[in-house]
N, C-alpha and C. Protein backbone atom coordinates (compact mmCIF):
# COMPACT_ATOMS: atom_id res chain seq x y z
N MET A 1 -15.57 9.52 38.45
CA MET A 1 -14.93 10.67 37.52
C MET A 1 -13.32 10.45 37.67
N ALA A 2 -12.51 10.48 36.74
CA ALA A 2 -11.25 10.32 36.68
C ALA A 2 -10.42 11.69 36.94
N THR A 3 -9.27 11.69 37.79
CA THR A 3 -8.87 12.92 38.22
C THR A 3 -7.40 12.88 37.55
N LYS A 4 -6.76 13.77 37.18
CA LYS A 4 -5.58 13.84 36.71
C LYS A 4 -4.39 13.80 37.82
N SER A 5 -3.82 12.81 37.76
CA SER A 5 -2.69 12.81 38.80
C SER A 5 -1.66 13.97 38.68
N LEU A 6 -0.99 14.47 39.83
CA LEU A 6 -0.01 15.27 39.88
C LEU A 6 1.39 14.85 40.19
N LEU A 7 1.36 13.84 40.31
CA LEU A 7 2.58 12.73 40.36
C LEU A 7 3.36 12.42 39.00
N PRO A 8 4.65 12.62 38.98
CA PRO A 8 5.03 12.31 37.58
C PRO A 8 4.88 10.97 37.19
N GLU A 9 4.79 11.13 35.51
CA GLU A 9 4.51 9.65 35.03
C GLU A 9 5.86 8.77 35.26
N THR A 10 5.18 7.47 35.44
CA THR A 10 6.18 6.23 35.06
C THR A 10 5.96 5.43 34.21
N GLY A 11 6.98 4.50 33.85
CA GLY A 11 6.63 3.55 32.77
C GLY A 11 7.01 3.86 31.49
N ALA A 12 5.99 3.21 30.71
CA ALA A 12 6.01 3.35 29.15
C ALA A 12 5.78 4.69 28.97
N LYS A 13 4.36 5.41 29.57
CA LYS A 13 4.19 6.46 29.29
C LYS A 13 5.19 7.62 29.39
N ALA A 14 5.75 7.54 30.73
CA ALA A 14 6.92 8.49 30.77
C ALA A 14 8.03 8.56 29.81
N ALA A 15 8.42 7.28 29.49
CA ALA A 15 9.58 7.44 28.36
C ALA A 15 9.06 7.76 27.25
N LYS A 16 7.69 7.42 26.85
CA LYS A 16 7.21 8.28 25.40
C LYS A 16 7.18 9.67 25.59
N THR A 17 6.85 10.00 26.76
CA THR A 17 6.73 11.70 26.90
C THR A 17 8.14 12.12 26.89
N ALA A 18 9.06 11.65 27.67
CA ALA A 18 10.78 11.99 27.73
C ALA A 18 11.31 12.15 26.24
N SER A 19 10.86 11.16 25.65
CA SER A 19 11.96 10.71 24.46
C SER A 19 10.95 11.79 23.09
N ALA A 20 9.70 12.03 23.08
CA ALA A 20 9.11 12.99 22.14
C ALA A 20 9.71 13.84 21.66
N PRO A 21 10.03 14.15 20.35
CA PRO A 21 10.58 15.44 19.83
C PRO A 21 9.60 16.53 19.90
N LYS A 22 10.50 17.84 20.09
CA LYS A 22 9.61 18.79 20.37
C LYS A 22 9.11 19.18 18.98
N THR A 23 7.72 19.38 18.79
CA THR A 23 7.23 19.98 17.47
C THR A 23 6.63 21.27 17.54
N ALA A 24 6.67 22.14 18.63
CA ALA A 24 6.13 23.48 18.33
C ALA A 24 6.81 24.40 17.67
N ALA A 25 6.79 25.50 17.24
CA ALA A 25 7.60 26.18 16.74
C ALA A 25 8.21 26.77 17.64
N PRO A 26 9.62 27.08 17.14
CA PRO A 26 10.54 27.91 18.25
C PRO A 26 10.19 29.28 18.35
N THR A 27 10.80 29.97 19.52
CA THR A 27 10.07 31.28 20.20
C THR A 27 10.99 32.21 19.68
N SER A 28 12.35 31.79 19.28
CA SER A 28 12.95 32.89 18.44
C SER A 28 14.07 32.26 17.53
N TYR A 29 14.92 32.83 16.98
CA TYR A 29 15.91 32.13 15.95
C TYR A 29 16.97 31.70 17.19
N GLU A 30 17.28 32.31 18.07
CA GLU A 30 18.37 31.69 19.22
C GLU A 30 18.04 30.38 19.91
N ALA A 31 16.42 30.53 20.03
CA ALA A 31 15.95 28.82 20.68
C ALA A 31 16.21 28.17 19.81
N ALA A 32 15.75 28.19 18.45
CA ALA A 32 15.77 27.45 17.31
C ALA A 32 17.28 26.92 17.11
N LEU A 33 18.36 27.73 17.08
CA LEU A 33 19.52 27.51 17.02
C LEU A 33 20.02 26.62 17.98
N GLN A 34 19.85 26.80 19.25
CA GLN A 34 19.96 26.34 20.45
C GLN A 34 19.64 24.89 20.57
N GLU A 35 18.33 24.58 19.93
CA GLU A 35 17.65 23.17 19.75
C GLU A 35 18.63 22.40 18.64
N LEU A 36 18.80 23.11 17.80
CA LEU A 36 19.22 22.43 16.75
C LEU A 36 20.72 22.13 17.02
N GLU A 37 21.57 22.72 17.84
CA GLU A 37 22.80 22.37 18.13
C GLU A 37 22.64 20.96 19.10
N GLN A 38 21.75 21.12 19.99
CA GLN A 38 21.58 20.04 20.83
C GLN A 38 20.98 18.50 20.23
N LEU A 39 20.37 19.03 19.13
CA LEU A 39 19.93 17.82 18.24
C LEU A 39 20.97 17.43 17.53
N ALA A 40 21.62 18.06 16.87
CA ALA A 40 22.99 17.77 16.03
C ALA A 40 23.83 16.93 17.08
N ALA A 41 24.07 17.13 18.34
CA ALA A 41 25.02 16.49 19.03
C ALA A 41 24.34 15.05 19.41
N GLN A 42 23.21 15.14 19.71
CA GLN A 42 22.42 13.84 19.95
C GLN A 42 22.52 12.64 18.47
N LEU A 43 22.16 13.55 17.49
CA LEU A 43 22.26 12.47 16.15
C LEU A 43 23.63 12.22 15.69
N GLU A 44 24.89 13.08 16.26
CA GLU A 44 25.78 12.83 15.85
C GLU A 44 26.50 11.57 17.08
N SER A 45 25.91 11.65 18.08
CA SER A 45 26.48 10.67 18.95
C SER A 45 26.36 9.08 18.63
N GLY A 46 25.23 8.83 17.71
CA GLY A 46 25.18 7.54 17.47
C GLY A 46 24.13 6.79 18.43
N GLN A 47 23.79 7.30 19.40
CA GLN A 47 23.02 6.63 20.55
C GLN A 47 21.63 6.55 20.73
N LEU A 48 20.94 7.11 19.44
CA LEU A 48 19.37 7.33 19.51
C LEU A 48 18.94 6.14 18.35
N PRO A 49 17.75 5.44 19.32
CA PRO A 49 17.40 4.51 18.23
C PRO A 49 16.93 4.86 16.95
N LEU A 50 16.71 3.92 15.92
CA LEU A 50 16.50 4.41 14.74
C LEU A 50 14.93 5.24 14.38
N ASP A 51 13.68 5.06 15.23
CA ASP A 51 12.79 5.71 15.34
C ASP A 51 13.03 7.34 15.53
N GLN A 52 13.96 7.38 16.57
CA GLN A 52 14.19 8.71 17.20
C GLN A 52 15.16 9.35 16.16
N LEU A 53 16.06 8.77 15.76
CA LEU A 53 16.91 9.29 14.76
C LEU A 53 16.28 10.03 13.40
N MET A 54 15.18 9.39 13.05
CA MET A 54 14.29 9.93 11.85
C MET A 54 13.82 11.02 12.38
N SER A 55 12.92 10.90 13.60
CA SER A 55 12.20 12.29 14.09
C SER A 55 13.08 13.18 14.44
N GLY A 56 14.29 13.20 14.94
CA GLY A 56 15.09 13.91 15.26
C GLY A 56 15.66 14.65 13.98
N TYR A 57 15.99 13.68 12.83
CA TYR A 57 16.23 14.48 11.75
C TYR A 57 15.15 15.30 10.99
N GLN A 58 14.08 14.84 11.20
CA GLN A 58 12.97 15.82 10.67
C GLN A 58 12.70 16.99 11.47
N ARG A 59 12.72 16.99 12.74
CA ARG A 59 12.98 18.32 13.59
C ARG A 59 13.84 19.14 13.02
N GLY A 60 15.12 18.65 12.95
CA GLY A 60 16.20 19.36 12.53
C GLY A 60 16.15 20.17 11.63
N ALA A 61 15.61 19.50 10.52
CA ALA A 61 15.17 20.01 8.92
C ALA A 61 13.96 21.34 9.30
N GLU A 62 13.12 20.98 10.25
CA GLU A 62 12.05 22.09 10.38
C GLU A 62 12.81 23.15 11.41
N LEU A 63 13.68 22.85 12.10
CA LEU A 63 14.51 24.01 12.79
C LEU A 63 15.36 24.84 11.57
N LEU A 64 15.89 23.99 10.84
CA LEU A 64 16.94 24.90 9.68
C LEU A 64 16.05 25.86 8.97
N LYS A 65 14.96 25.11 8.48
CA LYS A 65 13.92 26.10 7.85
C LYS A 65 13.41 27.20 8.51
N PHE A 66 13.18 27.05 9.69
CA PHE A 66 12.81 28.27 10.58
C PHE A 66 13.80 29.21 10.43
N CYS A 67 15.15 28.62 10.92
CA CYS A 67 16.30 29.57 10.90
C CYS A 67 16.50 30.35 9.66
N ARG A 68 16.63 29.71 8.72
CA ARG A 68 16.64 30.50 7.30
C ARG A 68 15.73 31.50 7.01
N ALA A 69 14.69 30.81 7.28
CA ALA A 69 13.53 31.84 7.14
C ALA A 69 13.74 33.17 8.09
N LYS A 70 13.94 33.24 9.32
CA LYS A 70 14.47 34.46 9.87
C LYS A 70 15.55 35.04 9.36
N LEU A 71 16.50 34.48 9.09
CA LEU A 71 17.90 35.35 8.43
C LEU A 71 17.38 36.07 7.19
N GLU A 72 16.60 35.31 6.28
CA GLU A 72 15.92 35.91 5.09
C GLU A 72 15.15 36.80 5.39
N ALA A 73 14.41 36.90 6.33
CA ALA A 73 13.59 38.31 6.50
C ALA A 73 14.41 39.21 7.16
N ILE A 74 15.27 38.95 7.90
CA ILE A 74 16.54 40.15 8.45
C ILE A 74 16.95 40.90 7.20
N GLU A 75 17.76 39.86 6.26
CA GLU A 75 18.22 40.19 5.15
C GLU A 75 17.45 41.16 4.40
N GLN A 76 16.42 40.94 4.19
CA GLN A 76 15.25 41.85 3.54
C GLN A 76 15.01 43.12 4.29
N GLN A 77 14.94 43.07 5.51
CA GLN A 77 14.79 44.18 6.27
C GLN A 77 15.70 45.35 6.21
N ILE A 78 17.22 44.66 6.22
CA ILE A 78 18.31 45.33 5.82
C ILE A 78 18.44 46.15 4.43
N SER A 79 18.02 45.19 3.46
CA SER A 79 18.15 45.80 2.06
C SER A 79 16.79 47.07 2.24
N VAL A 80 15.78 46.97 2.41
CA VAL A 80 14.97 48.03 2.62
C VAL A 80 15.79 48.98 3.10
N ILE A 81 16.33 48.92 4.21
CA ILE A 81 17.11 50.23 4.97
C ILE A 81 17.84 50.94 4.52
N ASP A 82 18.90 49.63 3.60
CA ASP A 82 20.11 50.23 2.85
C ASP A 82 19.63 50.55 1.45
N GLY A 83 18.51 50.83 1.07
CA GLY A 83 18.03 51.15 -0.17
C GLY A 83 18.39 50.07 -1.32
N ASP A 84 18.29 48.72 -0.89
CA ASP A 84 18.38 47.58 -1.90
C ASP A 84 19.55 47.22 -2.16
N GLN A 85 20.41 47.69 -1.54
CA GLN A 85 22.16 47.65 -1.91
C GLN A 85 22.60 46.83 -0.36
N LEU A 86 22.53 45.80 -0.55
CA LEU A 86 23.16 44.97 0.56
C LEU A 86 24.88 45.47 0.40
N LYS A 87 25.32 45.78 1.67
CA LYS A 87 26.73 46.09 2.00
C LYS A 87 27.45 45.02 2.21
N PRO A 88 28.54 44.75 2.02
CA PRO A 88 29.33 43.68 2.85
C PRO A 88 29.62 44.15 4.49
N TRP A 89 29.63 43.23 5.16
CA TRP A 89 29.98 43.73 6.75
C TRP A 89 31.31 43.21 6.80
N VAL A 90 31.81 44.46 7.54
CA VAL A 90 33.60 44.58 7.56
C VAL A 90 33.63 44.52 9.19
N GLN A 91 34.27 43.44 9.45
CA GLN A 91 34.62 43.76 10.86
C GLN A 91 35.56 44.54 11.56
N ASP A 92 35.53 45.33 12.46
CA ASP A 92 36.76 46.42 12.83
C ASP A 92 37.67 45.81 13.74
């Protein structure tokens, strides 16, 4: 019977796990935005290998879609509250 080791992974398996992009849905807009900012910094650094660059770009597109959907949902809620008349936000 094989048992799962509680020790940290080493070698190629650890490298694959550490470099694997996050694919789970973000828990909040703020979490998605933070991950998107970190990802953008990595992509802009030019230090990612080509395969990670592509998966990072795809993850960024997913995060951007998530953030836009959240913002649109909030905008719709505000529209309902304000009687379908979006009012411009004025900073005091």
